[in-house]
Protein backbone atom coordinates (compact mmCIF):
# COMPACT_ATOMS: atom_id res chain seq x y z
CA MET A 1 95.55 5.39 -173.38
CA PRO A 2 95.53 8.73 -171.61
CA ALA A 3 96.47 8.67 -167.94
CA ARG A 4 93.57 8.94 -165.57
CA PRO A 5 93.95 11.71 -162.97
CA PRO A 6 93.80 10.57 -159.35
CA SER A 7 90.38 11.09 -157.83
CA ALA A 8 91.28 12.25 -154.36
CA SER A 9 87.92 13.95 -153.86
CA VAL A 10 85.90 10.73 -154.26
CA PRO A 11 86.48 8.13 -151.56
CA PRO A 12 86.48 4.49 -152.62
CA PRO A 13 83.28 2.56 -151.79
CA SER A 14 84.95 0.80 -148.86
CA ALA A 15 85.87 4.13 -147.26
CA SER A 16 82.29 5.41 -147.17
CA ALA A 17 80.54 6.26 -143.95
CA THR A 18 79.49 3.42 -141.67
CA PRO A 19 76.09 2.17 -142.83
CA SER A 20 73.18 2.78 -140.53
CA PRO A 21 71.15 -0.19 -139.21
CA GLU A 22 68.31 0.83 -141.50
CA THR A 23 70.43 0.46 -144.62
CA SER A 24 72.63 -2.45 -143.59
CA GLY A 25 70.05 -4.61 -141.86
CA TYR A 26 72.53 -5.14 -139.01
CA VAL A 27 71.16 -4.99 -135.51
CA GLY A 28 73.72 -5.02 -132.75
CA PRO A 29 73.52 -7.30 -129.75
CA GLY A 30 70.82 -6.57 -127.24
CA ASN A 31 69.62 -3.36 -128.86
CA SER A 32 66.38 -4.57 -130.39
CA GLU A 33 63.41 -6.75 -129.72
CA ASN A 34 63.74 -7.89 -133.34
CA THR A 35 66.67 -10.13 -132.53
CA THR A 36 67.93 -13.66 -132.78
CA ASP A 37 66.08 -16.65 -131.41
CA ARG A 38 67.13 -16.43 -127.77
CA ALA A 39 65.34 -19.66 -126.85
CA GLY A 40 67.37 -21.37 -129.58
CA LEU A 41 70.59 -19.83 -128.26
CA CYS A 42 69.66 -21.03 -124.78
CA ARG A 43 69.02 -24.55 -126.06
CA ALA A 44 72.39 -24.55 -127.80
CA TYR A 45 74.12 -23.20 -124.68
CA LEU A 46 72.46 -25.66 -122.29
CA ALA A 47 73.14 -28.58 -124.64
CA LYS A 48 76.89 -27.98 -124.37
CA PRO A 49 78.93 -29.80 -121.75
CA GLU A 50 79.56 -27.50 -118.78
CA ARG A 51 83.27 -27.27 -119.60
CA GLN A 52 82.47 -25.76 -123.01
CA ARG A 53 79.83 -23.25 -121.91
CA GLU A 54 82.18 -20.54 -120.64
CA LYS A 55 84.22 -20.64 -123.83
CA ALA A 56 81.06 -20.56 -125.96
CA LEU A 57 79.91 -17.36 -124.27
CA ARG A 58 83.06 -15.59 -125.48
CA THR A 59 82.15 -16.22 -129.12
CA PRO A 60 80.20 -13.77 -131.29
CA ALA A 61 77.45 -16.34 -131.79
CA PHE A 62 76.45 -16.12 -128.12
CA ASN A 63 77.04 -12.39 -127.64
CA GLU A 64 73.33 -11.61 -127.99
CA LEU A 65 72.57 -14.10 -125.23
CA VAL A 66 75.20 -12.65 -122.89
CA VAL A 67 73.79 -9.14 -123.38
CA ALA A 68 70.19 -10.30 -122.91
CA ALA A 69 71.09 -12.13 -119.69
CA GLY A 70 72.94 -9.13 -118.26
CA GLY A 71 76.36 -10.76 -118.37
CA ALA A 72 77.99 -14.14 -118.86
CA GLU A 73 77.56 -15.02 -115.18
CA HIS A 74 73.75 -14.80 -115.57
CA VAL A 75 73.29 -16.78 -118.79
CA GLU A 76 72.57 -20.15 -117.23
CA GLU A 77 69.89 -18.78 -114.91
CA TYR A 78 68.42 -16.68 -117.74
CA CYS A 79 68.22 -19.70 -120.02
CA ARG A 80 66.70 -22.02 -117.43
CA GLU A 81 63.90 -19.48 -116.85
CA ARG A 82 63.04 -19.08 -120.55
CA PRO A 83 60.15 -21.11 -121.90
CA GLY A 84 61.15 -23.34 -124.78
CA ALA A 85 64.83 -23.30 -123.88
CA ASP A 86 65.00 -26.78 -122.35
CA ALA A 87 68.14 -28.57 -123.48
CA GLU A 88 66.66 -31.99 -122.87
CA PRO A 89 65.20 -33.41 -126.08
CA THR A 90 61.83 -35.05 -125.73
CA ALA A 91 61.73 -38.78 -126.42
CA SER A 92 59.57 -39.82 -129.31
CA PRO A 93 56.93 -42.48 -128.62
CA GLY A 94 58.00 -45.97 -129.55
CA GLY A 95 61.58 -44.83 -129.77
């Protein structure tokens, strides 16, 4: 087989320019109204024991919530004010 010349002028697919949100579908935290279910994030946050809440807010899963609340120190208040974010499950009749 003949040797293939190195293709220095063509970057590998992984070295291409950073995809734009339109092409990748990625929307960064807090930069769009078309975002994750914040009420659901609030329910998940409020359902955690208080000792675990601070740690949870440092994870990527809750980053959107931290941004929306204006900082980790405001998340609890933000969540308690959101409709549909109650952490208390409703009891089913006859249960």
